[in-house]
Amino acid sequence: MPLSRSALAVVLIFTFLDKWNNYLEPLIFLSSPDKFTVALGLASFRGLFSTDWHLLMAASTVMIVPVVALFFLLQRYFVRGVVSTEMKG
């Protein structure tokens, strides 16, 4: 189990990123704007004829913060997992 810790951290990061950035499934299954995910909320800043770019960029920054924080917390496991998969020869 100790040897697989870095691989599990990489899987955790990629799974979190997949679920965090998921757009299509919540768009299909959710009908109430109160339950929209962050990605759907971000898309709601774009209008049909105009876009509030300053609000869109501020919301994008807020959306990125948890992903960057998770990466920095698990960075050593991520790098160790990538380095341990290199080809030796």
PDB file of N, CA and C in Angstrom:
ATOM      1  N   MET A   1       0.800  -1.204   0.000  1.00  0.00           N
ATOM      2  CA  MET A   1       0.000   0.000   0.000  1.00  0.00           C
ATOM      3  C   MET A   1       0.848   1.277   0.000  1.00  0.00           C
ATOM      4  N   PRO A   2       1.969   1.328   0.716  1.00  0.00           N
ATOM      5  CA  PRO A   2       2.774   2.553   0.678  1.00  0.00           C
ATOM      6  C   PRO A   2       3.312   2.885  -0.713  1.00  0.00           C
ATOM      7  N   LEU A   3       3.577   1.866  -1.514  1.00  0.00           N
ATOM      8  CA  LEU A   3       4.090   2.126  -2.852  1.00  0.00           C
ATOM      9  C   LEU A   3       3.013   2.659  -3.789  1.00  0.00           C
ATOM     10  N   SER A   4       1.781   2.377  -3.498  1.00  0.00           N
ATOM     11  CA  SER A   4       0.706   2.839  -4.373  1.00  0.00           C
ATOM     12  C   SER A   4       0.131   4.188  -3.947  1.00  0.00           C
ATOM     13  N   ARG A   5       0.669   4.787  -2.909  1.00  0.00           N
ATOM     14  CA  ARG A   5       0.152   6.062  -2.410  1.00  0.00           C
ATOM     15  C   ARG A   5       0.250   7.165  -3.461  1.00  0.00           C
ATOM     16  N   SER A   6       1.366   7.244  -4.174  1.00  0.00           N
ATOM     17  CA  SER A   6       1.517   8.294  -5.190  1.00  0.00           C
ATOM     18  C   SER A   6       0.582   8.053  -6.373  1.00  0.00           C
ATOM     19  N   ALA A   7       0.389   6.806  -6.754  1.00  0.00           N
ATOM     20  CA  ALA A   7      -0.539   6.512  -7.853  1.00  0.00           C
ATOM     21  C   ALA A   7      -1.974   6.843  -7.446  1.00  0.00           C
ATOM     22  N   LEU A   8      -2.333   6.551  -6.209  1.00  0.00           N
ATOM     23  CA  LEU A   8      -3.679   6.887  -5.738  1.00  0.00           C
ATOM     24  C   LEU A   8      -3.883   8.400  -5.663  1.00  0.00           C
ATOM     25  N   ALA A   9      -2.835   9.151  -5.326  1.00  0.00           N
ATOM     26  CA  ALA A   9      -2.942  10.609  -5.295  1.00  0.00           C
ATOM     27  C   ALA A   9      -3.175  11.168  -6.694  1.00  0.00           C
ATOM     28  N   VAL A  10      -2.492  10.603  -7.684  1.00  0.00           N
ATOM     29  CA  VAL A  10      -2.701  11.040  -9.068  1.00  0.00           C
ATOM     30  C   VAL A  10      -4.118  10.714  -9.517  1.00  0.00           C
ATOM     31  N   VAL A  11      -4.608   9.543  -9.183  1.00  0.00           N
ATOM     32  CA  VAL A  11      -5.983   9.180  -9.523  1.00  0.00           C
ATOM     33  C   VAL A  11      -6.965  10.105  -8.822  1.00  0.00           C
ATOM     34  N   LEU A  12      -6.689  10.468  -7.586  1.00  0.00           N
ATOM     35  CA  LEU A  12      -7.547  11.396  -6.851  1.00  0.00           C
ATOM     36  C   LEU A  12      -7.587  12.766  -7.524  1.00  0.00           C
ATOM     37  N   ILE A  13      -6.437  13.268  -7.935  1.00  0.00           N
ATOM     38  CA  ILE A  13      -6.387  14.568  -8.607  1.00  0.00           C
ATOM     39  C   ILE A  13      -7.162  14.526  -9.909  1.00  0.00           C
ATOM     40  N   PHE A  14      -6.940  13.508 -10.724  1.00  0.00           N
ATOM     41  CA  PHE A  14      -7.619  13.428 -12.018  1.00  0.00           C
ATOM     42  C   PHE A  14      -9.117  13.212 -11.867  1.00  0.00           C
ATOM     43  N   THR A  15      -9.537  12.429 -10.884  1.00  0.00           N
ATOM     44  CA  THR A  15     -10.959  12.222 -10.646  1.00  0.00           C
ATOM     45  C   THR A  15     -11.622  13.506 -10.173  1.00  0.00           C
ATOM     46  N   PHE A  16     -10.958  14.220  -9.273  1.00  0.00           N
ATOM     47  CA  PHE A  16     -11.497  15.498  -8.808  1.00  0.00           C
ATOM     48  C   PHE A  16     -11.630  16.480  -9.965  1.00  0.00           C
ATOM     49  N   LEU A  17     -10.603  16.564 -10.811  1.00  0.00           N
ATOM     50  CA  LEU A  17     -10.668  17.467 -11.960  1.00  0.00           C
ATOM     51  C   LEU A  17     -11.789  17.083 -12.921  1.00  0.00           C
ATOM     52  N   ASP A  18     -11.991  15.796 -13.120  1.00  0.00           N
ATOM     53  CA  ASP A  18     -13.056  15.333 -14.008  1.00  0.00           C
ATOM     54  C   ASP A  18     -14.423  15.726 -13.470  1.00  0.00           C
ATOM     55  N   LYS A  19     -14.647  15.508 -12.197  1.00  0.00           N
ATOM     56  CA  LYS A  19     -15.955  15.834 -11.604  1.00  0.00           C
ATOM     57  C   LYS A  19     -16.144  17.337 -11.453  1.00  0.00           C
ATOM     58  N   TRP A  20     -15.077  18.065 -11.144  1.00  0.00           N
ATOM     59  CA  TRP A  20     -15.164  19.508 -10.949  1.00  0.00           C
ATOM     60  C   TRP A  20     -15.484  20.215 -12.265  1.00  0.00           C
ATOM     61  N   ASN A  21     -14.898  19.757 -13.355  1.00  0.00           N
ATOM     62  CA  ASN A  21     -15.094  20.402 -14.653  1.00  0.00           C
ATOM     63  C   ASN A  21     -16.229  19.788 -15.464  1.00  0.00           C
ATOM     64  N   ASN A  22     -16.964  18.855 -14.884  1.00  0.00           N
ATOM     65  CA  ASN A  22     -18.044  18.202 -15.612  1.00  0.00           C
ATOM     66  C   ASN A  22     -19.129  19.217 -15.957  1.00  0.00           C
ATOM     67  N   TYR A  23     -19.485  19.279 -17.215  1.00  0.00           N
ATOM     68  CA  TYR A  23     -20.455  20.258 -17.678  1.00  0.00           C
ATOM     69  C   TYR A  23     -21.717  19.595 -18.222  1.00  0.00           C
ATOM     70  N   LEU A  24     -21.550  18.564 -19.009  1.00  0.00           N
ATOM     71  CA  LEU A  24     -22.671  17.999 -19.745  1.00  0.00           C
ATOM     72  C   LEU A  24     -23.665  17.251 -18.855  1.00  0.00           C
ATOM     73  N   GLU A  25     -23.193  16.385 -17.976  1.00  0.00           N
ATOM     74  CA  GLU A  25     -24.114  15.614 -17.126  1.00  0.00           C
ATOM     75  C   GLU A  25     -24.955  16.500 -16.208  1.00  0.00           C
ATOM     76  N   PRO A  26     -24.369  17.473 -15.502  1.00  0.00           N
ATOM     77  CA  PRO A  26     -25.230  18.336 -14.693  1.00  0.00           C
ATOM     78  C   PRO A  26     -26.196  19.162 -15.537  1.00  0.00           C
ATOM     79  N   LEU A  27     -25.776  19.523 -16.744  1.00  0.00           N
ATOM     80  CA  LEU A  27     -26.661  20.272 -17.629  1.00  0.00           C
ATOM     81  C   LEU A  27     -27.873  19.439 -18.014  1.00  0.00           C
ATOM     82  N   ILE A  28     -27.682  18.147 -18.181  1.00  0.00           N
ATOM     83  CA  ILE A  28     -28.781  17.252 -18.544  1.00  0.00           C
ATOM     84  C   ILE A  28     -29.681  16.955 -17.349  1.00  0.00           C
ATOM     85  N   PHE A  29     -29.090  16.665 -16.202  1.00  0.00           N
ATOM     86  CA  PHE A  29     -29.859  16.153 -15.071  1.00  0.00           C
ATOM     87  C   PHE A  29     -30.424  17.220 -14.144  1.00  0.00           C
ATOM     88  N   LEU A  30     -29.818  18.381 -14.077  1.00  0.00           N
ATOM     89  CA  LEU A  30     -30.271  19.414 -13.146  1.00  0.00           C
ATOM     90  C   LEU A  30     -31.185  20.400 -13.856  1.00  0.00           C
ATOM     91  N   SER A  31     -32.293  20.734 -13.233  1.00  0.00           N
ATOM     92  CA  SER A  31     -33.208  21.696 -13.832  1.00  0.00           C
ATOM     93  C   SER A  31     -33.292  22.989 -13.029  1.00  0.00           C
ATOM     94  N   SER A  32     -32.898  22.956 -11.777  1.00  0.00           N
ATOM     95  CA  SER A  32     -32.992  24.132 -10.924  1.00  0.00           C
ATOM     96  C   SER A  32     -31.652  24.870 -10.891  1.00  0.00           C
ATOM     97  N   PRO A  33     -31.636  26.164 -11.143  1.00  0.00           N
ATOM     98  CA  PRO A  33     -30.374  26.915 -11.067  1.00  0.00           C
ATOM     99  C   PRO A  33     -29.761  26.917  -9.668  1.00  0.00           C
ATOM    100  N   ASP A  34     -30.554  26.611  -8.640  1.00  0.00           N
ATOM    101  CA  ASP A  34     -30.022  26.545  -7.283  1.00  0.00           C
ATOM    102  C   ASP A  34     -29.057  25.381  -7.099  1.00  0.00           C
ATOM    103  N   LYS A  35     -29.184  24.358  -7.918  1.00  0.00           N
ATOM    104  CA  LYS A  35     -28.361  23.153  -7.782  1.00  0.00           C
ATOM    105  C   LYS A  35     -27.268  23.054  -8.846  1.00  0.00           C
ATOM    106  N   PHE A  36     -27.103  24.076  -9.665  1.00  0.00           N
ATOM    107  CA  PHE A  36     -26.098  24.039 -10.717  1.00  0.00           C
ATOM    108  C   PHE A  36     -24.694  23.915 -10.135  1.00  0.00           C
ATOM    109  N   THR A  37     -23.840  23.220 -10.859  1.00  0.00           N
ATOM    110  CA  THR A  37     -22.440  23.101 -10.463  1.00  0.00           C
ATOM    111  C   THR A  37     -21.707  24.391 -10.813  1.00  0.00           C
ATOM    112  N   VAL A  38     -20.442  24.451 -10.424  1.00  0.00           N
ATOM    113  CA  VAL A  38     -19.654  25.657 -10.670  1.00  0.00           C
ATOM    114  C   VAL A  38     -19.465  25.880 -12.171  1.00  0.00           C
ATOM    115  N   ALA A  39     -19.268  24.823 -12.923  1.00  0.00           N
ATOM    116  CA  ALA A  39     -19.085  24.961 -14.366  1.00  0.00           C
ATOM    117  C   ALA A  39     -20.356  25.499 -15.037  1.00  0.00           C
ATOM    118  N   LEU A  40     -21.506  25.050 -14.598  1.00  0.00           N
ATOM    119  CA  LEU A  40     -22.759  25.584 -15.154  1.00  0.00           C
ATOM    120  C   LEU A  40     -22.977  27.025 -14.736  1.00  0.00           C
ATOM    121  N   GLY A  41     -22.616  27.351 -13.516  1.00  0.00           N
ATOM    122  CA  GLY A  41     -22.719  28.738 -13.068  1.00  0.00           C
ATOM    123  C   GLY A  41     -21.805  29.644 -13.865  1.00  0.00           C
ATOM    124  N   LEU A  42     -20.634  29.135 -14.201  1.00  0.00           N
ATOM    125  CA  LEU A  42     -19.693  29.903 -15.013  1.00  0.00           C
ATOM    126  C   LEU A  42     -20.244  30.136 -16.413  1.00  0.00           C
ATOM    127  N   ALA A  43     -20.898  29.133 -16.963  1.00  0.00           N
ATOM    128  CA  ALA A  43     -21.483  29.271 -18.296  1.00  0.00           C
ATOM    129  C   ALA A  43     -22.672  30.225 -18.303  1.00  0.00           C
ATOM    130  N   SER A  44     -23.296  30.412 -17.155  1.00  0.00           N
ATOM    131  CA  SER A  44     -24.451  31.309 -17.106  1.00  0.00           C
ATOM    132  C   SER A  44     -24.059  32.775 -17.214  1.00  0.00           C
ATOM    133  N   PHE A  45     -22.780  33.093 -17.085  1.00  0.00           N
ATOM    134  CA  PHE A  45     -22.328  34.467 -17.258  1.00  0.00           C
ATOM    135  C   PHE A  45     -22.319  34.888 -18.720  1.00  0.00           C
ATOM    136  N   ARG A  46     -22.364  33.932 -19.623  1.00  0.00           N
ATOM    137  CA  ARG A  46     -22.388  34.257 -21.050  1.00  0.00           C
ATOM    138  C   ARG A  46     -23.828  34.445 -21.484  1.00  0.00           C
ATOM    139  N   GLY A  47     -24.092  35.579 -22.078  1.00  0.00           N
ATOM    140  CA  GLY A  47     -25.420  35.878 -22.552  1.00  0.00           C
ATOM    141  C   GLY A  47     -25.539  35.599 -24.036  1.00  0.00           C
ATOM    142  N   LEU A  48     -26.734  35.796 -24.570  1.00  0.00           N
ATOM    143  CA  LEU A  48     -26.962  35.558 -25.992  1.00  0.00           C
ATOM    144  C   LEU A  48     -26.322  36.647 -26.846  1.00  0.00           C
ATOM    145  N   PHE A  49     -26.416  37.885 -26.396  1.00  0.00           N
ATOM    146  CA  PHE A  49     -25.897  39.000 -27.186  1.00  0.00           C
ATOM    147  C   PHE A  49     -24.742  39.731 -26.520  1.00  0.00           C
ATOM    148  N   SER A  50     -24.542  39.516 -25.247  1.00  0.00           N
ATOM    149  CA  SER A  50     -23.430  40.178 -24.563  1.00  0.00           C
ATOM    150  C   SER A  50     -22.900  39.274 -23.450  1.00  0.00           C
ATOM    151  N   THR A  51     -21.694  39.566 -23.032  1.00  0.00           N
ATOM    152  CA  THR A  51     -21.051  38.799 -21.968  1.00  0.00           C
ATOM    153  C   THR A  51     -20.441  39.773 -20.978  1.00  0.00           C
ATOM    154  N   ASP A  52     -20.669  39.533 -19.699  1.00  0.00           N
ATOM    155  CA  ASP A  52     -20.021  40.324 -18.658  1.00  0.00           C
ATOM    156  C   ASP A  52     -18.644  39.725 -18.405  1.00  0.00           C
ATOM    157  N   TRP A  53     -17.652  40.211 -19.140  1.00  0.00           N
ATOM    158  CA  TRP A  53     -16.334  39.594 -19.095  1.00  0.00           C
ATOM    159  C   TRP A  53     -15.672  39.735 -17.733  1.00  0.00           C
ATOM    160  N   HIS A  54     -15.869  40.860 -17.067  1.00  0.00           N
ATOM    161  CA  HIS A  54     -15.222  41.035 -15.767  1.00  0.00           C
ATOM    162  C   HIS A  54     -15.803  40.052 -14.741  1.00  0.00           C
ATOM    163  N   LEU A  55     -17.089  39.809 -14.799  1.00  0.00           N
ATOM    164  CA  LEU A  55     -17.689  38.827 -13.891  1.00  0.00           C
ATOM    165  C   LEU A  55     -17.277  37.402 -14.262  1.00  0.00           C
ATOM    166  N   LEU A  56     -17.193  37.129 -15.550  1.00  0.00           N
ATOM    167  CA  LEU A  56     -16.782  35.807 -16.014  1.00  0.00           C
ATOM    168  C   LEU A  56     -15.349  35.488 -15.588  1.00  0.00           C
ATOM    169  N   MET A  57     -14.457  36.456 -15.705  1.00  0.00           N
ATOM    170  CA  MET A  57     -13.066  36.231 -15.307  1.00  0.00           C
ATOM    171  C   MET A  57     -12.929  36.099 -13.789  1.00  0.00           C
ATOM    172  N   ALA A  58     -13.701  36.870 -13.039  1.00  0.00           N
ATOM    173  CA  ALA A  58     -13.664  36.738 -11.572  1.00  0.00           C
ATOM    174  C   ALA A  58     -14.182  35.369 -11.144  1.00  0.00           C
ATOM    175  N   ALA A  59     -15.259  34.903 -11.763  1.00  0.00           N
ATOM    176  CA  ALA A  59     -15.803  33.583 -11.439  1.00  0.00           C
ATOM    177  C   ALA A  59     -14.840  32.476 -11.870  1.00  0.00           C
ATOM    178  N   SER A  60     -14.146  32.670 -12.972  1.00  0.00           N
ATOM    179  CA  SER A  60     -13.150  31.682 -13.416  1.00  0.00           C
ATOM    180  C   SER A  60     -12.015  31.575 -12.412  1.00  0.00           C
ATOM    181  N   THR A  61     -11.593  32.691 -11.875  1.00  0.00           N
ATOM    182  CA  THR A  61     -10.533  32.682 -10.867  1.00  0.00           C
ATOM    183  C   THR A  61     -10.981  31.939  -9.613  1.00  0.00           C
ATOM    184  N   VAL A  62     -12.207  32.180  -9.193  1.00  0.00           N
ATOM    185  CA  VAL A  62     -12.738  31.492  -8.019  1.00  0.00           C
ATOM    186  C   VAL A  62     -12.863  29.993  -8.290  1.00  0.00           C
ATOM    187  N   MET A  63     -13.197  29.620  -9.513  1.00  0.00           N
ATOM    188  CA  MET A  63     -13.348  28.207  -9.870  1.00  0.00           C
ATOM    189  C   MET A  63     -12.002  27.481  -9.876  1.00  0.00           C
ATOM    190  N   ILE A  64     -10.936  28.180 -10.190  1.00  0.00           N
ATOM    191  CA  ILE A  64      -9.619  27.566 -10.292  1.00  0.00           C
ATOM    192  C   ILE A  64      -8.974  27.354  -8.926  1.00  0.00           C
ATOM    193  N   VAL A  65      -9.328  28.158  -7.935  1.00  0.00           N
ATOM    194  CA  VAL A  65      -8.657  28.121  -6.630  1.00  0.00           C
ATOM    195  C   VAL A  65      -8.675  26.733  -5.971  1.00  0.00           C
ATOM    196  N   PRO A  66      -9.812  26.023  -5.879  1.00  0.00           N
ATOM    197  CA  PRO A  66      -9.765  24.696  -5.241  1.00  0.00           C
ATOM    198  C   PRO A  66      -8.905  23.682  -5.991  1.00  0.00           C
ATOM    199  N   VAL A  67      -8.868  23.768  -7.306  1.00  0.00           N
ATOM    200  CA  VAL A  67      -8.061  22.836  -8.098  1.00  0.00           C
ATOM    201  C   VAL A  67      -6.578  23.081  -7.846  1.00  0.00           C
ATOM    202  N   VAL A  68      -6.173  24.336  -7.835  1.00  0.00           N
ATOM    203  CA  VAL A  68      -4.772  24.669  -7.585  1.00  0.00           C
ATOM    204  C   VAL A  68      -4.382  24.294  -6.154  1.00  0.00           C
ATOM    205  N   ALA A  69      -5.267  24.536  -5.203  1.00  0.00           N
ATOM    206  CA  ALA A  69      -4.982  24.168  -3.811  1.00  0.00           C
ATOM    207  C   ALA A  69      -4.817  22.658  -3.666  1.00  0.00           C
ATOM    208  N   LEU A  70      -5.685  21.881  -4.317  1.00  0.00           N
ATOM    209  CA  LEU A  70      -5.563  20.424  -4.255  1.00  0.00           C
ATOM    210  C   LEU A  70      -4.259  19.955  -4.882  1.00  0.00           C
ATOM    211  N   PHE A  71      -3.875  20.562  -6.003  1.00  0.00           N
ATOM    212  CA  PHE A  71      -2.627  20.176  -6.640  1.00  0.00           C
ATOM    213  C   PHE A  71      -1.433  20.481  -5.747  1.00  0.00           C
ATOM    214  N   PHE A  72      -1.414  21.666  -5.117  1.00  0.00           N
ATOM    215  CA  PHE A  72      -0.287  22.000  -4.257  1.00  0.00           C
ATOM    216  C   PHE A  72      -0.233  21.112  -3.021  1.00  0.00           C
ATOM    217  N   LEU A  73      -1.377  20.693  -2.517  1.00  0.00           N
ATOM    218  CA  LEU A  73      -1.382  19.782  -1.372  1.00  0.00           C
ATOM    219  C   LEU A  73      -0.841  18.401  -1.744  1.00  0.00           C
ATOM    220  N   LEU A  74      -1.140  17.941  -2.949  1.00  0.00           N
ATOM    221  CA  LEU A  74      -0.738  16.597  -3.377  1.00  0.00           C
ATOM    222  C   LEU A  74       0.388  16.612  -4.407  1.00  0.00           C
ATOM    223  N   GLN A  75       1.111  17.720  -4.510  1.00  0.00           N
ATOM    224  CA  GLN A  75       2.128  17.874  -5.545  1.00  0.00           C
ATOM    225  C   GLN A  75       3.245  16.844  -5.417  1.00  0.00           C
ATOM    226  N   ARG A  76       3.711  16.589  -4.218  1.00  0.00           N
ATOM    227  CA  ARG A  76       4.827  15.641  -4.084  1.00  0.00           C
ATOM    228  C   ARG A  76       4.418  14.235  -4.500  1.00  0.00           C
ATOM    229  N   TYR A  77       3.179  13.834  -4.217  1.00  0.00           N
ATOM    230  CA  TYR A  77       2.708  12.522  -4.649  1.00  0.00           C
ATOM    231  C   TYR A  77       2.528  12.479  -6.162  1.00  0.00           C
ATOM    232  N   PHE A  78       2.046  13.593  -6.724  1.00  0.00           N
ATOM    233  CA  PHE A  78       1.844  13.666  -8.165  1.00  0.00           C
ATOM    234  C   PHE A  78       3.176  13.540  -8.895  1.00  0.00           C
ATOM    235  N   VAL A  79       4.161  14.297  -8.463  1.00  0.00           N
ATOM    236  CA  VAL A  79       5.479  14.254  -9.108  1.00  0.00           C
ATOM    237  C   VAL A  79       6.130  12.893  -8.892  1.00  0.00           C
ATOM    238  N   ARG A  80       6.002  12.331  -7.707  1.00  0.00           N
ATOM    239  CA  ARG A  80       6.577  11.013  -7.426  1.00  0.00           C
ATOM    240  C   ARG A  80       5.923   9.942  -8.294  1.00  0.00           C
ATOM    241  N   GLY A  81       4.606  10.059  -8.508  1.00  0.00           N
ATOM    242  CA  GLY A  81       3.908   9.099  -9.354  1.00  0.00           C
ATOM    243  C   GLY A  81       4.323   9.197 -10.811  1.00  0.00           C
ATOM    244  N   VAL A  82       4.569  10.401 -11.275  1.00  0.00           N
ATOM    245  CA  VAL A  82       5.005  10.592 -12.662  1.00  0.00           C
ATOM    246  C   VAL A  82       6.424  10.107 -12.830  1.00  0.00           C
ATOM    247  N   VAL A  83       7.289  10.414 -11.875  1.00  0.00           N
ATOM    248  CA  VAL A  83       8.701  10.015 -11.968  1.00  0.00           C
ATOM    249  C   VAL A  83       8.846   8.500 -11.859  1.00  0.00           C
ATOM    250  N   SER A  84       8.020   7.855 -11.043  1.00  0.00           N
ATOM    251  CA  SER A  84       8.157   6.408 -10.863  1.00  0.00           C
ATOM    252  C   SER A  84       7.698   5.614 -12.076  1.00  0.00           C
ATOM    253  N   THR A  85       7.001   6.257 -12.994  1.00  0.00           N
ATOM    254  CA  THR A  85       6.540   5.543 -14.186  1.00  0.00           C
ATOM    255  C   THR A  85       7.478   5.713 -15.382  1.00  0.00           C
ATOM    256  N   GLU A  86       8.614   6.382 -15.180  1.00  0.00           N
ATOM    257  CA  GLU A  86       9.521   6.595 -16.299  1.00  0.00           C
ATOM    258  C   GLU A  86      10.169   5.277 -16.728  1.00  0.00           C
ATOM    259  N   MET A  87      10.546   5.231 -17.983  1.00  0.00           N
ATOM    260  CA  MET A  87      11.193   4.044 -18.530  1.00  0.00           C
ATOM    261  C   MET A  87      12.670   4.052 -18.180  1.00  0.00           C
ATOM    262  N   LYS A  88      13.160   2.941 -17.662  1.00  0.00           N
ATOM    263  CA  LYS A  88      14.584   2.831 -17.328  1.00  0.00           C
ATOM    264  C   LYS A  88      15.230   1.878 -18.316  1.00  0.00           C
ATOM    265  N   GLY A  89      16.265   2.360 -18.945  1.00  0.00           N
ATOM    266  CA  GLY A  89      16.908   1.432 -19.843  1.00  0.00           C
ATOM    267  C   GLY A  89      17.818   2.004 -20.789  1.00  0.00           C
TER     268      GLY A  89
END
